[in-house]
C-alpha cells in the first residue's frame, strides 16, 4: 500500500461509512453517486485541458483520480449531508471548510508527495468549483427528497 497511498485513503474513507446509519446512507447515496459521476467527467476534462497531472502514466492517473472520487469525495459528501442536511447555512459552512482544506493544505501536501501536480486547476479555482458543486448537489438532494415525499407510503416498502 505504500506504493499506492491513494488506495489506502479510499479504503479508509469507505470504511468510515460503517459508522453511518443505513437509512441515512441510502437517503444520501443518490447525491454521492451524482457528484461522483460529475467528478469522473471533470477528471476526463482535466486530462484534456491539463488541469492537473499525475505522474506515472494513464493507469496511475486513473487510480489516483478514482481513489479520490470514490474515496474521500464520495464518503465526504455522504457524511456532510448526514451531519448538515436541512440546515443549508451549516451545510455551506462545512463544505467551505472542507473545500478550503482540500484546495490549499491538502493539495499542497499531495503535490509535495508527488501524488499529483496542479496545472491550470489552481487552489482558488478548485475551491470555487467545489463550492458550486456543493450547491448543485444540495439542490439535487432537495429534488430527490421532494420527489420521494410525493410517493405513496406503500411505494417505500
Foldseek 3Di string as FASTA:
>chain_A
DVVQVLQVQQVVQVVVCVPPDPVLCVLCQVLLVVVLVVLVVVLVVCVVVVQKFFPDDDVLSVSNSNSVSNGCSSSVSSVLCVVQQPPVVSSLVVQLVVLLCCQPVVLVVCVVVRRMGGDNCHSVNSSVVSSVSSVVSSVVSVVVVVVVVPDDPVVVD
